[in-house]
C-alpha atoms as a PDB file:
ATOM      1  CA  UNK A   1     -38.137 -35.114  31.482  1.00  0.00           C
ATOM      2  CA  UNK A   2     -38.603 -36.467  27.973  1.00  0.00           C
ATOM      3  CA  UNK A   3     -35.714 -35.851  25.607  1.00  0.00           C
ATOM      4  CA  UNK A   4     -36.513 -34.664  22.111  1.00  0.00           C
ATOM      5  CA  UNK A   5     -34.066 -35.971  19.546  1.00  0.00           C
ATOM      6  CA  UNK A   6     -33.326 -33.913  16.467  1.00  0.00           C
ATOM      7  CA  UNK A   7     -31.595 -36.295  14.028  1.00  0.00           C
ATOM      8  CA  UNK A   8     -30.693 -33.403  11.712  1.00  0.00           C
ATOM      9  CA  UNK A   9     -28.692 -31.480  14.338  1.00  0.00           C
ATOM     10  CA  UNK A  10     -25.301 -32.968  13.391  1.00  0.00           C
ATOM     11  CA  UNK A  11     -25.951 -32.200   9.722  1.00  0.00           C
ATOM     12  CA  UNK A  12     -26.975 -28.629  10.607  1.00  0.00           C
ATOM     13  CA  UNK A  13     -23.719 -28.196  12.513  1.00  0.00           C
ATOM     14  CA  UNK A  14     -21.628 -29.612   9.667  1.00  0.00           C
ATOM     15  CA  UNK A  15     -23.321 -27.170   7.289  1.00  0.00           C
ATOM     16  CA  UNK A  16     -22.073 -24.287   9.461  1.00  0.00           C
ATOM     17  CA  UNK A  17     -18.405 -25.286   9.332  1.00  0.00           C
ATOM     18  CA  UNK A  18     -15.917 -28.021  10.118  1.00  0.00           C
ATOM     19  CA  UNK A  19     -17.452 -30.237  12.804  1.00  0.00           C
ATOM     20  CA  UNK A  20     -15.438 -33.410  13.396  1.00  0.00           C
ATOM     21  CA  UNK A  21     -16.932 -34.244  16.785  1.00  0.00           C
ATOM     22  CA  UNK A  22     -17.527 -37.888  15.911  1.00  0.00           C
ATOM     23  CA  UNK A  23     -13.782 -38.512  16.285  1.00  0.00           C
ATOM     24  CA  UNK A  24     -13.905 -37.312  19.909  1.00  0.00           C
ATOM     25  CA  UNK A  25     -13.043 -40.219  22.169  1.00  0.00           C
ATOM     26  CA  UNK A  26     -12.549 -39.901  25.877  1.00  0.00           C
ATOM     27  CA  UNK A  27     -10.332 -37.116  27.251  1.00  0.00           C
ATOM     28  CA  UNK A  28     -13.163 -35.221  28.853  1.00  0.00           C
ATOM     29  CA  UNK A  29     -11.911 -32.008  30.410  1.00  0.00           C
ATOM     30  CA  UNK A  30     -10.515 -28.597  29.539  1.00  0.00           C
ATOM     31  CA  UNK A  31      -6.820 -28.367  30.554  1.00  0.00           C
ATOM     32  CA  UNK A  32      -7.465 -24.793  31.722  1.00  0.00           C
ATOM     33  CA  UNK A  33     -10.281 -26.046  33.955  1.00  0.00           C
ATOM     34  CA  UNK A  34     -13.013 -24.103  32.187  1.00  0.00           C
ATOM     35  CA  UNK A  35     -16.317 -25.839  32.863  1.00  0.00           C
ATOM     36  CA  UNK A  36     -16.450 -27.390  29.411  1.00  0.00           C
ATOM     37  CA  UNK A  37     -16.524 -31.101  28.701  1.00  0.00           C
ATOM     38  CA  UNK A  38     -16.009 -31.358  24.952  1.00  0.00           C
ATOM     39  CA  UNK A  39     -16.756 -35.082  24.831  1.00  0.00           C
ATOM     40  CA  UNK A  40     -20.148 -34.646  26.550  1.00  0.00           C
ATOM     41  CA  UNK A  41     -21.043 -31.571  24.543  1.00  0.00           C
ATOM     42  CA  UNK A  42     -20.099 -33.146  21.213  1.00  0.00           C
ATOM     43  CA  UNK A  43     -21.955 -36.355  22.072  1.00  0.00           C
ATOM     44  CA  UNK A  44     -25.118 -34.364  22.812  1.00  0.00           C
ATOM     45  CA  UNK A  45     -24.799 -32.633  19.445  1.00  0.00           C
ATOM     46  CA  UNK A  46     -24.207 -35.868  17.541  1.00  0.00           C
ATOM     47  CA  UNK A  47     -27.153 -37.546  19.270  1.00  0.00           C
ATOM     48  CA  UNK A  48     -29.398 -34.639  18.308  1.00  0.00           C
ATOM     49  CA  UNK A  49     -30.081 -33.539  21.891  1.00  0.00           C
ATOM     50  CA  UNK A  50     -30.395 -29.880  20.971  1.00  0.00           C
ATOM     51  CA  UNK A  51     -31.987 -28.892  24.315  1.00  0.00           C
ATOM     52  CA  UNK A  52     -28.891 -30.176  26.107  1.00  0.00           C
ATOM     53  CA  UNK A  53     -26.623 -28.308  23.688  1.00  0.00           C
ATOM     54  CA  UNK A  54     -28.623 -25.132  24.413  1.00  0.00           C
ATOM     55  CA  UNK A  55     -28.303 -25.799  28.153  1.00  0.00           C
ATOM     56  CA  UNK A  56     -24.502 -25.861  27.739  1.00  0.00           C
ATOM     57  CA  UNK A  57     -24.400 -22.455  26.030  1.00  0.00           C
ATOM     58  CA  UNK A  58     -22.568 -20.775  28.917  1.00  0.00           C
ATOM     59  CA  UNK A  59     -19.577 -23.154  28.879  1.00  0.00           C
ATOM     60  CA  UNK A  60     -19.494 -23.030  25.066  1.00  0.00           C
ATOM     61  CA  UNK A  61     -19.143 -19.259  25.171  1.00  0.00           C
ATOM     62  CA  UNK A  62     -16.708 -19.448  28.118  1.00  0.00           C
ATOM     63  CA  UNK A  63     -14.182 -21.427  26.083  1.00  0.00           C
ATOM     64  CA  UNK A  64     -11.093 -19.318  25.404  1.00  0.00           C
ATOM     65  CA  UNK A  65     -10.446 -21.066  22.062  1.00  0.00           C
ATOM     66  CA  UNK A  66      -6.795 -21.293  23.136  1.00  0.00           C
ATOM     67  CA  UNK A  67      -6.279 -24.752  21.619  1.00  0.00           C
ATOM     68  CA  UNK A  68      -4.656 -26.295  24.712  1.00  0.00           C
ATOM     69  CA  UNK A  69      -7.156 -29.149  24.517  1.00  0.00           C
ATOM     70  CA  UNK A  70      -6.222 -29.841  20.901  1.00  0.00           C
ATOM     71  CA  UNK A  71      -2.552 -30.194  21.834  1.00  0.00           C
ATOM     72  CA  UNK A  72      -3.351 -33.198  24.022  1.00  0.00           C
ATOM     73  CA  UNK A  73      -6.174 -34.692  21.934  1.00  0.00           C
ATOM     74  CA  UNK A  74      -5.159 -38.247  20.919  1.00  0.00           C
ATOM     75  CA  UNK A  75      -7.717 -38.270  18.084  1.00  0.00           C
ATOM     76  CA  UNK A  76      -6.666 -34.916  16.608  1.00  0.00           C
ATOM     77  CA  UNK A  77     -10.152 -33.458  16.964  1.00  0.00           C
ATOM     78  CA  UNK A  78     -10.417 -29.791  15.992  1.00  0.00           C
ATOM     79  CA  UNK A  79     -12.091 -28.862  19.260  1.00  0.00           C
ATOM     80  CA  UNK A  80     -11.876 -25.090  18.808  1.00  0.00           C
ATOM     81  CA  UNK A  81     -13.447 -25.346  15.348  1.00  0.00           C
ATOM     82  CA  UNK A  82     -16.224 -27.491  16.815  1.00  0.00           C
ATOM     83  CA  UNK A  83     -16.817 -24.950  19.580  1.00  0.00           C
ATOM     84  CA  UNK A  84     -16.969 -22.152  16.991  1.00  0.00           C
ATOM     85  CA  UNK A  85     -19.592 -24.108  15.043  1.00  0.00           C
ATOM     86  CA  UNK A  86     -21.610 -24.697  18.209  1.00  0.00           C
ATOM     87  CA  UNK A  87     -21.421 -20.980  19.038  1.00  0.00           C
ATOM     88  CA  UNK A  88     -22.667 -20.101  15.580  1.00  0.00           C
ATOM     89  CA  UNK A  89     -25.528 -22.583  15.848  1.00  0.00           C
ATOM     90  CA  UNK A  90     -26.488 -21.306  19.304  1.00  0.00           C
ATOM     91  CA  UNK A  91     -26.501 -17.712  18.079  1.00  0.00           C
ATOM     92  CA  UNK A  92     -28.624 -18.610  15.053  1.00  0.00           C
ATOM     93  CA  UNK A  93     -31.036 -20.566  17.263  1.00  0.00           C
ATOM     94  CA  UNK A  94     -31.353 -17.629  19.643  1.00  0.00           C
ATOM     95  CA  UNK A  95     -32.232 -15.296  16.781  1.00  0.00           C
ATOM     96  CA  UNK A  96     -35.101 -17.513  15.548  1.00  0.00           C
END
């Protein structure tokens, strides 16, 4: 499968709200074991792999936004804010 890269995706996300995903380093998993890998998801968004971000819609909307991940984030990434931005983008994309 050929990947289509959308270089403007990160800018589109930043226009929707605070999106500090580029500070995300290496933790990887949700402490509540929800099938969400913030690092992978954010990397896809920053690389402009919008099809992969769309494919991860279910985990994005499964996130409880509890903030447990932010408590242990060594980089201080605002993960819940990033997830909210991704939700907004996904909803806007679905309505197009």
